[in-house]
Amino acid sequence: MAEQSTEAEDGRDAAWVTVETPLPGAALLAFCREDVERLFRINSLLRFDAWRRLAANDHHVRLRNLSNERTLETDLHVEQLPDGLRVVYGDGLKSSTSFQVAETAGGSQLVVTDDYSGTPAAERRSRADEADRSLVQWGHDLHHYLARWSRWSRYAAWRWYMNRIWQPMTPAGRRVVFALVVISALEFFAFLAVLAIFVLELDRLL
C-alpha cells in the first residue's frame, strides 16, 4: 500500500491510499457496493455512535475520529461510479471519499481517496487540525480485512460473525475480543499439552 497526497492547480486537495487485494476485480467491486457502512466500520480509528440509513443512498452518522480526536455528525450520500462508489459528506472539512477498483496481475487494488476540494483553500488551511489522519491505517485495515474475506467468506458462519458481531463492535471492543480469543486458544493448547504428558506418563507406568 502507498499513500500519496496532492494539491492541484485547480484547487483540488486530496489524499489517497492504494490497497492491494487477492480478490478478482468484480468480487472487490461487489464487496464495496454491497455495504458502504462496512467499508467505514473497517477503519479501526473511527468509533461510531450512530449509523442510520435514511434512504437507499443516504445515511446519517455520528462518529469519533480517533486520529484527530474530532467528533463528526453528518449526512452521507452515496454515488455509484463505473469502477466503484463515492460518498459525499454533508458536513465537515472533507468533501467526499471515493472507492475505486482496478484489476491487477495478482488480483485487484482498491484506491481510497479523501477529497477536500469542496472547502475553500483558505478555510482548509485554517482548519488543518480537522483533517482526517486515519487514511493510512484505514488502508492497512482494509488490506487485512479483504485478505481474510478472500480466504473465509465462502463460509456462511464466518460471514455472519463478521457482519452481525464484529462489524458493530467498537475498535476497543474488537481488541478485547481478540485478546480473549488468543488467551482462550493458549489455555486450550496448554490443556492439550498437559493432557498429552499425562497420557504418555500413564502409558509408561502401565
Protein backbone atom coordinates (compact mmCIF):
# COMPACT_ATOMS: atom_id res chain seq x y z
CA MET A 1 0.00 0.00 0.00
CA ALA A 2 1.15 3.55 -0.69
CA GLU A 3 -0.30 6.85 0.42
CA GLN A 4 0.03 9.99 -1.65
CA SER A 5 -1.41 13.49 -1.50
CA THR A 6 -1.63 16.41 -3.88
CA GLU A 7 -3.00 19.92 -4.16
CA ALA A 8 -3.55 20.57 -7.84
CA GLU A 9 -3.60 23.93 -9.62
CA ASP A 10 -7.37 23.73 -9.91
CA GLY A 11 -7.59 23.76 -6.11
CA ARG A 12 -8.21 20.03 -5.75
CA ASP A 13 -6.82 18.83 -2.45
CA ALA A 14 -6.87 15.07 -1.94
CA ALA A 15 -5.09 12.20 -0.22
CA TRP A 16 -5.30 8.59 -1.24
CA VAL A 17 -4.15 5.11 -0.31
CA THR A 18 -3.86 2.10 -2.60
CA VAL A 19 -4.82 -1.29 -1.17
CA GLU A 20 -3.65 -4.46 -2.90
CA THR A 21 -6.08 -7.39 -2.59
CA PRO A 22 -6.20 -11.03 -3.76
CA LEU A 23 -9.82 -10.65 -4.89
CA PRO A 24 -10.82 -10.54 -8.57
CA GLY A 25 -11.88 -7.06 -9.61
CA ALA A 26 -15.56 -7.99 -9.97
CA ALA A 27 -15.61 -9.52 -6.48
CA LEU A 28 -13.96 -6.45 -4.95
CA LEU A 29 -16.38 -4.14 -6.73
CA ALA A 30 -19.34 -6.18 -5.44
CA PHE A 31 -17.88 -6.08 -1.91
CA CYS A 32 -17.62 -2.28 -1.98
CA ARG A 33 -21.11 -1.73 -3.36
CA GLU A 34 -22.79 -4.28 -1.10
CA ASP A 35 -22.41 -2.39 2.19
CA VAL A 36 -20.96 1.13 2.43
CA GLU A 37 -21.31 1.06 6.21
CA ARG A 38 -18.96 -1.92 6.37
CA LEU A 39 -16.28 -0.02 4.42
CA PHE A 40 -16.24 2.71 7.05
CA ARG A 41 -16.54 0.45 10.08
CA ILE A 42 -13.45 -1.49 8.96
CA ASN A 43 -11.47 1.67 9.80
CA SER A 44 -10.14 1.00 13.31
CA LEU A 45 -9.70 4.72 14.02
CA LEU A 46 -13.40 5.53 13.63
CA ARG A 47 -15.70 4.91 16.59
CA PHE A 48 -19.35 5.11 15.56
CA ASP A 49 -22.02 6.33 17.94
CA ALA A 50 -24.76 6.06 15.32
CA TRP A 51 -25.29 4.96 11.73
CA ARG A 52 -28.81 5.40 10.42
CA ARG A 53 -29.97 4.63 6.90
CA LEU A 54 -32.29 7.36 5.60
CA ALA A 55 -32.86 6.08 2.05
CA ALA A 56 -31.29 3.73 -0.48
CA ASN A 57 -28.26 6.01 -0.99
CA ASP A 58 -28.48 8.28 2.05
CA HIS A 59 -27.24 7.78 5.61
CA HIS A 60 -26.77 9.77 8.79
CA VAL A 61 -23.73 9.10 11.00
CA ARG A 62 -22.22 10.31 14.23
CA LEU A 63 -18.66 9.22 14.90
CA ARG A 64 -15.50 9.94 16.84
CA ASN A 65 -12.32 10.07 14.74
CA LEU A 66 -9.54 8.79 16.97
CA SER A 67 -6.83 10.07 14.59
CA ASN A 68 -7.67 13.73 15.25
CA GLU A 69 -9.93 13.42 18.33
CA ARG A 70 -12.80 15.09 16.47
CA THR A 71 -16.49 14.23 16.57
CA LEU A 72 -18.35 14.36 13.26
CA GLU A 73 -22.08 14.22 12.69
CA THR A 74 -23.15 14.37 9.07
CA ASP A 75 -25.37 13.04 6.33
CA LEU A 76 -23.76 10.84 3.68
CA HIS A 77 -24.88 10.48 0.07
CA VAL A 78 -23.60 7.51 -1.95
CA GLU A 79 -22.98 7.93 -5.69
CA GLN A 80 -22.25 4.97 -7.96
CA LEU A 81 -19.11 5.19 -10.12
CA PRO A 82 -18.31 2.91 -13.08
CA ASP A 83 -15.44 1.42 -11.07
CA GLY A 84 -16.73 1.88 -7.53
CA LEU A 85 -18.56 4.49 -5.50
CA ARG A 86 -18.22 7.95 -3.98
CA VAL A 87 -19.51 9.01 -0.56
CA VAL A 88 -20.32 12.72 -0.30
CA TYR A 89 -20.35 14.38 3.14
CA GLY A 90 -22.98 16.93 4.11
CA ASP A 91 -20.81 18.48 6.83
CA GLY A 92 -17.18 18.57 7.87
CA LEU A 93 -13.91 19.56 6.24
CA LYS A 94 -13.81 16.61 3.87
CA SER A 95 -15.94 16.78 0.70
CA SER A 96 -16.05 13.12 -0.27
CA THR A 97 -14.40 9.71 -0.08
CA SER A 98 -14.26 7.53 -3.17
CA PHE A 99 -13.55 3.82 -3.50
CA GLN A 100 -12.30 2.80 -6.96
CA VAL A 101 -11.40 -0.72 -8.13
CA ALA A 102 -8.80 -1.72 -10.72
CA GLU A 103 -7.67 -5.15 -11.91
CA THR A 104 -4.06 -6.18 -11.26
CA ALA A 105 -1.95 -9.17 -12.27
CA GLY A 106 -2.38 -10.82 -8.87
CA GLY A 107 -5.96 -9.79 -8.13
CA SER A 108 -7.15 -6.21 -7.79
CA GLN A 109 -6.48 -2.96 -6.00
CA LEU A 110 -8.74 -0.55 -4.18
CA VAL A 111 -7.90 3.16 -4.23
CA VAL A 112 -9.48 5.10 -1.37
CA THR A 113 -9.41 8.87 -1.94
CA ASP A 114 -10.32 11.59 0.56
CA ASP A 115 -11.16 14.79 -1.32
CA TYR A 116 -11.14 18.15 0.49
CA SER A 117 -11.55 20.41 -2.55
CA GLY A 118 -15.15 21.32 -1.74
CA THR A 119 -13.84 23.55 1.05
CA PRO A 120 -12.07 26.82 0.06
CA ALA A 121 -8.27 26.66 0.30
CA ALA A 122 -8.03 29.38 2.97
CA GLU A 123 -10.57 27.57 5.13
CA ARG A 124 -8.76 24.26 4.64
CA ARG A 125 -5.56 25.83 5.93
CA SER A 126 -7.26 27.38 8.95
CA ARG A 127 -8.96 24.09 9.82
CA ALA A 128 -5.99 21.82 9.10
CA ASP A 129 -6.30 20.21 12.54
CA GLU A 130 -9.65 18.74 11.44
CA ALA A 131 -8.09 16.75 8.57
CA ASP A 132 -8.70 13.02 8.78
CA ARG A 133 -5.38 11.34 9.60
CA SER A 134 -6.78 7.82 9.63
CA LEU A 135 -6.36 7.12 5.90
CA VAL A 136 -3.13 5.10 6.10
CA GLN A 137 -4.48 2.99 8.97
CA TRP A 138 -7.74 2.56 7.04
CA GLY A 139 -5.72 1.21 4.13
CA HIS A 140 -3.99 -1.31 6.39
CA ASP A 141 -7.31 -2.33 7.94
CA LEU A 142 -8.90 -2.83 4.51
CA HIS A 143 -5.89 -4.83 3.32
CA HIS A 144 -6.11 -7.26 6.26
CA TYR A 145 -9.91 -7.49 6.14
CA LEU A 146 -10.01 -8.21 2.40
CA ALA A 147 -7.29 -10.86 2.73
CA ARG A 148 -9.41 -12.61 5.36
CA TRP A 149 -12.54 -12.09 3.24
CA SER A 150 -10.87 -13.76 0.27
CA ARG A 151 -9.97 -16.76 2.42
CA TRP A 152 -13.01 -17.21 4.65
CA SER A 153 -16.08 -15.52 3.10
CA ARG A 154 -17.23 -18.75 1.48
CA TYR A 155 -18.21 -19.94 4.97
CA ALA A 156 -21.63 -18.64 5.99
CA ALA A 157 -20.83 -18.79 9.73
CA TRP A 158 -17.76 -16.56 9.25
CA ARG A 159 -19.74 -14.02 7.20
CA TRP A 160 -22.49 -13.99 9.84
CA TYR A 161 -19.99 -13.36 12.65
CA MET A 162 -18.18 -10.58 10.79
CA ASN A 163 -21.39 -8.84 9.69
CA ARG A 164 -23.51 -9.26 12.82
CA ILE A 165 -21.00 -9.41 15.68
CA TRP A 166 -17.62 -7.95 14.62
CA GLN A 167 -18.85 -5.06 12.47
CA PRO A 168 -21.00 -3.26 15.10
CA MET A 169 -18.22 -3.50 17.74
CA THR A 170 -16.12 -0.50 18.68
CA PRO A 171 -12.39 -0.72 17.87
CA ALA A 172 -11.68 -1.23 21.60
CA GLY A 173 -14.28 -4.00 21.76
CA ARG A 174 -12.65 -5.81 18.85
CA ARG A 175 -9.26 -5.67 20.59
CA VAL A 176 -10.75 -7.10 23.78
CA VAL A 177 -12.44 -9.93 21.90
CA PHE A 178 -9.22 -10.70 20.00
CA ALA A 179 -7.26 -10.80 23.27
CA LEU A 180 -9.83 -13.14 24.82
CA VAL A 181 -9.68 -15.45 21.79
CA VAL A 182 -5.88 -15.56 21.94
CA ILE A 183 -5.91 -16.25 25.70
CA SER A 184 -8.55 -18.98 25.29
CA ALA A 185 -6.55 -20.58 22.48
CA LEU A 186 -3.37 -20.56 24.59
CA GLU A 187 -5.22 -22.08 27.53
CA PHE A 188 -6.67 -24.78 25.27
CA PHE A 189 -3.28 -25.71 23.84
CA ALA A 190 -1.77 -25.70 27.33
CA PHE A 191 -4.51 -28.10 28.43
CA LEU A 192 -3.78 -30.37 25.45
CA ALA A 193 -0.06 -30.34 26.32
CA VAL A 194 -0.75 -31.29 29.93
CA LEU A 195 -3.18 -33.99 28.81
CA ALA A 196 -0.62 -35.40 26.36
CA ILE A 197 2.03 -35.54 29.09
CA PHE A 198 -0.43 -37.25 31.44
CA VAL A 199 -1.34 -39.88 28.80
CA LEU A 200 2.31 -40.55 28.00
CA GLU A 201 3.19 -40.93 31.68
CA LEU A 202 0.19 -43.18 32.22
CA ASP A 203 1.22 -45.41 29.30
CA ARG A 204 4.76 -45.57 30.69
CA LEU A 205 3.54 -46.64 34.13
CA LEU A 206 1.21 -49.27 32.70
